[in-house]
Amino acid sequence: MLITFKLFAMLSDHLPAQVDGRSRQGNAIELEVPEGTTVQSLIERFQLPPKLVHLVLVDGAYVAPADRAQRVLQPGQALAIWPPIAGG
């Protein structure tokens, strides 16, 4: 199944130029993933540092840290991840 995977700020460095023959589009890439893929399995697949995985959204809906291992992605969904951001 095909999903969109987006990484923001310094996390975008963890996206390769290509995955499964698909080119990266800025901070996003389309991924072919098996049925049953969870949010946590993609965090681990791309070796995202746990302390930098702060805000996680699936189609704009927040996924709490305790729910990431059970949150199964569906075809066409977008997974977006932001690191902690400070500003003033």
N, C-alpha and C. Protein backbone atom coordinates (compact mmCIF):
# COMPACT_ATOMS: atom_id res chain seq x y z
N MET A 1 0.85 -1.18 0.00
CA MET A 1 0.00 0.00 0.00
C MET A 1 0.89 1.23 0.00
N LEU A 2 0.38 2.30 -0.55
CA LEU A 2 1.15 3.53 -0.72
C LEU A 2 0.73 4.56 0.33
N ILE A 3 1.72 5.15 1.02
CA ILE A 3 1.48 6.23 1.97
C ILE A 3 2.44 7.37 1.65
N THR A 4 2.21 8.53 2.27
CA THR A 4 3.13 9.65 2.19
C THR A 4 3.81 9.80 3.54
N PHE A 5 5.12 9.94 3.53
CA PHE A 5 5.92 10.06 4.75
C PHE A 5 6.62 11.40 4.71
N LYS A 6 6.36 12.26 5.71
CA LYS A 6 6.94 13.60 5.74
C LYS A 6 7.73 13.78 7.03
N LEU A 7 8.93 14.31 6.88
CA LEU A 7 9.77 14.64 8.03
C LEU A 7 10.13 16.12 7.96
N PHE A 8 10.07 16.80 9.09
CA PHE A 8 10.28 18.24 9.13
C PHE A 8 11.56 18.61 9.89
N ALA A 9 12.05 19.82 9.57
CA ALA A 9 13.26 20.39 10.18
C ALA A 9 14.42 19.41 10.02
N MET A 10 15.21 19.22 11.08
CA MET A 10 16.41 18.38 10.97
C MET A 10 16.09 16.91 10.70
N LEU A 11 14.87 16.47 10.96
CA LEU A 11 14.52 15.08 10.69
C LEU A 11 14.52 14.77 9.20
N SER A 12 14.32 15.78 8.36
CA SER A 12 14.28 15.52 6.92
C SER A 12 15.60 14.96 6.40
N ASP A 13 16.68 15.13 7.15
CA ASP A 13 17.96 14.54 6.76
C ASP A 13 17.91 13.01 6.77
N HIS A 14 16.93 12.44 7.43
CA HIS A 14 16.81 10.98 7.51
C HIS A 14 16.09 10.38 6.31
N LEU A 15 15.54 11.21 5.45
CA LEU A 15 14.90 10.71 4.23
C LEU A 15 15.95 10.51 3.14
N PRO A 16 15.97 9.35 2.53
CA PRO A 16 16.90 9.15 1.41
C PRO A 16 16.42 9.88 0.17
N ALA A 17 17.29 10.02 -0.82
CA ALA A 17 16.93 10.69 -2.07
C ALA A 17 15.86 9.91 -2.81
N GLN A 18 15.89 8.57 -2.69
CA GLN A 18 14.90 7.71 -3.33
C GLN A 18 14.56 6.55 -2.41
N VAL A 19 13.32 6.11 -2.50
CA VAL A 19 12.87 4.90 -1.81
C VAL A 19 11.95 4.17 -2.77
N ASP A 20 12.19 2.88 -2.94
CA ASP A 20 11.35 2.07 -3.81
C ASP A 20 11.21 2.67 -5.21
N GLY A 21 12.28 3.33 -5.71
CA GLY A 21 12.25 3.92 -7.03
C GLY A 21 11.52 5.25 -7.12
N ARG A 22 11.01 5.74 -5.99
CA ARG A 22 10.30 7.03 -5.98
C ARG A 22 11.23 8.10 -5.45
N SER A 23 11.24 9.23 -6.12
CA SER A 23 12.11 10.33 -5.73
C SER A 23 11.51 11.11 -4.57
N ARG A 24 12.38 11.66 -3.79
CA ARG A 24 11.99 12.52 -2.67
C ARG A 24 11.47 13.85 -3.22
N GLN A 25 10.41 14.34 -2.61
CA GLN A 25 9.82 15.64 -2.97
C GLN A 25 9.98 16.57 -1.78
N GLY A 26 11.12 17.26 -1.70
CA GLY A 26 11.38 18.14 -0.55
C GLY A 26 11.52 17.33 0.72
N ASN A 27 10.57 17.50 1.63
CA ASN A 27 10.65 16.80 2.91
C ASN A 27 9.71 15.60 2.96
N ALA A 28 9.21 15.15 1.81
CA ALA A 28 8.24 14.06 1.77
C ALA A 28 8.62 13.03 0.72
N ILE A 29 8.15 11.80 0.94
CA ILE A 29 8.36 10.74 -0.03
C ILE A 29 7.15 9.81 0.02
N GLU A 30 6.78 9.29 -1.13
CA GLU A 30 5.75 8.27 -1.16
C GLU A 30 6.43 6.93 -0.92
N LEU A 31 5.83 6.15 -0.03
CA LEU A 31 6.40 4.85 0.34
C LEU A 31 5.41 3.74 0.07
N GLU A 32 5.92 2.65 -0.43
CA GLU A 32 5.15 1.42 -0.53
C GLU A 32 5.48 0.64 0.75
N VAL A 33 4.47 0.40 1.57
CA VAL A 33 4.66 -0.31 2.84
C VAL A 33 3.68 -1.47 2.90
N PRO A 34 4.04 -2.52 3.65
CA PRO A 34 3.12 -3.65 3.75
C PRO A 34 1.90 -3.32 4.60
N GLU A 35 0.80 -4.02 4.35
CA GLU A 35 -0.38 -3.90 5.19
C GLU A 35 0.04 -4.17 6.63
N GLY A 36 -0.54 -3.44 7.56
CA GLY A 36 -0.22 -3.64 8.98
C GLY A 36 0.94 -2.80 9.47
N THR A 37 1.55 -1.97 8.60
CA THR A 37 2.66 -1.12 9.02
C THR A 37 2.18 -0.12 10.06
N THR A 38 2.94 0.01 11.14
CA THR A 38 2.58 0.95 12.20
C THR A 38 3.44 2.20 12.11
N VAL A 39 2.98 3.23 12.80
CA VAL A 39 3.75 4.47 12.91
C VAL A 39 5.13 4.16 13.48
N GLN A 40 5.18 3.39 14.56
CA GLN A 40 6.45 3.09 15.22
C GLN A 40 7.40 2.32 14.31
N SER A 41 6.87 1.42 13.49
CA SER A 41 7.77 0.66 12.61
C SER A 41 8.45 1.56 11.59
N LEU A 42 7.77 2.62 11.14
CA LEU A 42 8.42 3.56 10.21
C LEU A 42 9.43 4.43 10.94
N ILE A 43 9.14 4.82 12.16
CA ILE A 43 10.11 5.58 12.96
C ILE A 43 11.39 4.77 13.10
N GLU A 44 11.25 3.48 13.36
CA GLU A 44 12.42 2.61 13.50
C GLU A 44 13.10 2.33 12.16
N ARG A 45 12.32 2.13 11.11
CA ARG A 45 12.89 1.85 9.78
C ARG A 45 13.82 2.97 9.34
N PHE A 46 13.44 4.22 9.62
CA PHE A 46 14.26 5.36 9.20
C PHE A 46 15.21 5.83 10.30
N GLN A 47 15.32 5.05 11.36
CA GLN A 47 16.27 5.30 12.46
C GLN A 47 16.17 6.72 12.99
N LEU A 48 14.93 7.16 13.23
CA LEU A 48 14.73 8.50 13.77
C LEU A 48 15.06 8.49 15.26
N PRO A 49 15.90 9.42 15.72
CA PRO A 49 16.26 9.46 17.14
C PRO A 49 15.00 9.70 17.99
N PRO A 50 14.73 8.81 18.95
CA PRO A 50 13.51 8.94 19.76
C PRO A 50 13.32 10.31 20.39
N LYS A 51 14.40 10.94 20.84
CA LYS A 51 14.24 12.24 21.49
C LYS A 51 13.89 13.36 20.49
N LEU A 52 14.02 13.08 19.18
CA LEU A 52 13.67 14.07 18.17
C LEU A 52 12.28 13.82 17.55
N VAL A 53 11.67 12.70 17.90
CA VAL A 53 10.33 12.40 17.39
C VAL A 53 9.34 12.97 18.40
N HIS A 54 8.86 14.17 18.10
CA HIS A 54 8.04 14.90 19.07
C HIS A 54 6.56 14.92 18.68
N LEU A 55 6.26 15.58 17.58
CA LEU A 55 4.88 15.71 17.14
C LEU A 55 4.66 14.76 15.97
N VAL A 56 3.73 13.82 16.14
CA VAL A 56 3.44 12.82 15.11
C VAL A 56 1.97 12.94 14.74
N LEU A 57 1.73 13.11 13.44
CA LEU A 57 0.37 13.25 12.93
C LEU A 57 0.12 12.25 11.80
N VAL A 58 -1.07 11.67 11.79
CA VAL A 58 -1.52 10.85 10.67
C VAL A 58 -2.74 11.57 10.11
N ASP A 59 -2.62 12.02 8.87
CA ASP A 59 -3.67 12.81 8.23
C ASP A 59 -4.12 13.97 9.13
N GLY A 60 -3.17 14.60 9.79
CA GLY A 60 -3.46 15.77 10.62
C GLY A 60 -3.93 15.47 12.02
N ALA A 61 -4.11 14.20 12.37
CA ALA A 61 -4.57 13.82 13.71
C ALA A 61 -3.37 13.37 14.55
N TYR A 62 -3.26 13.92 15.75
CA TYR A 62 -2.15 13.63 16.66
C TYR A 62 -2.15 12.16 17.07
N VAL A 63 -0.94 11.57 17.10
CA VAL A 63 -0.75 10.20 17.58
C VAL A 63 0.17 10.29 18.79
N ALA A 64 -0.36 9.98 19.96
CA ALA A 64 0.40 10.04 21.21
C ALA A 64 1.50 8.98 21.22
N PRO A 65 2.59 9.25 21.95
CA PRO A 65 3.68 8.27 22.01
C PRO A 65 3.22 6.86 22.40
N ALA A 66 2.31 6.75 23.33
CA ALA A 66 1.84 5.44 23.79
C ALA A 66 1.05 4.70 22.72
N ASP A 67 0.57 5.40 21.70
CA ASP A 67 -0.27 4.79 20.66
C ASP A 67 0.47 4.46 19.37
N ARG A 68 1.72 4.86 19.25
CA ARG A 68 2.44 4.75 17.98
C ARG A 68 2.72 3.31 17.57
N ALA A 69 2.95 2.43 18.51
CA ALA A 69 3.24 1.03 18.17
C ALA A 69 1.99 0.29 17.69
N GLN A 70 0.82 0.77 18.08
CA GLN A 70 -0.43 0.11 17.69
C GLN A 70 -1.14 0.82 16.53
N ARG A 71 -0.75 2.03 16.20
CA ARG A 71 -1.45 2.82 15.17
C ARG A 71 -1.05 2.31 13.80
N VAL A 72 -1.95 1.57 13.16
CA VAL A 72 -1.70 0.98 11.85
C VAL A 72 -2.08 1.99 10.77
N LEU A 73 -1.19 2.15 9.81
CA LEU A 73 -1.43 3.07 8.70
C LEU A 73 -2.31 2.41 7.65
N GLN A 74 -3.10 3.25 6.97
CA GLN A 74 -4.01 2.79 5.92
C GLN A 74 -3.56 3.34 4.57
N PRO A 75 -3.94 2.71 3.47
CA PRO A 75 -3.53 3.19 2.15
C PRO A 75 -3.92 4.66 1.95
N GLY A 76 -2.97 5.42 1.39
CA GLY A 76 -3.22 6.82 1.07
C GLY A 76 -3.02 7.79 2.22
N GLN A 77 -2.76 7.30 3.42
CA GLN A 77 -2.58 8.22 4.55
C GLN A 77 -1.23 8.92 4.49
N ALA A 78 -1.15 10.03 5.21
CA ALA A 78 0.10 10.79 5.32
C ALA A 78 0.56 10.77 6.77
N LEU A 79 1.79 10.36 6.98
CA LEU A 79 2.43 10.37 8.29
C LEU A 79 3.43 11.51 8.30
N ALA A 80 3.27 12.42 9.25
CA ALA A 80 4.16 13.59 9.36
C ALA A 80 4.76 13.63 10.76
N ILE A 81 6.06 13.91 10.82
CA ILE A 81 6.77 13.92 12.10
C ILE A 81 7.62 15.18 12.22
N TRP A 82 7.49 15.87 13.37
CA TRP A 82 8.27 17.06 13.67
C TRP A 82 9.12 16.83 14.91
N PRO A 83 10.31 17.42 14.95
CA PRO A 83 11.11 17.40 16.18
C PRO A 83 10.59 18.49 17.12
N PRO A 84 11.09 18.51 18.37
CA PRO A 84 10.72 19.61 19.25
C PRO A 84 11.22 20.92 18.63
N ILE A 85 10.42 21.95 18.72
CA ILE A 85 10.79 23.23 18.13
C ILE A 85 10.65 24.31 19.20
N ALA A 86 11.70 25.11 19.34
CA ALA A 86 11.67 26.22 20.29
C ALA A 86 11.72 27.52 19.51
N GLY A 87 11.12 28.50 20.04
CA GLY A 87 11.15 29.78 19.36
C GLY A 87 10.77 30.89 20.32
N GLY A 88 10.85 32.08 19.84
CA GLY A 88 10.53 33.16 20.74
C GLY A 88 10.02 34.34 20.09
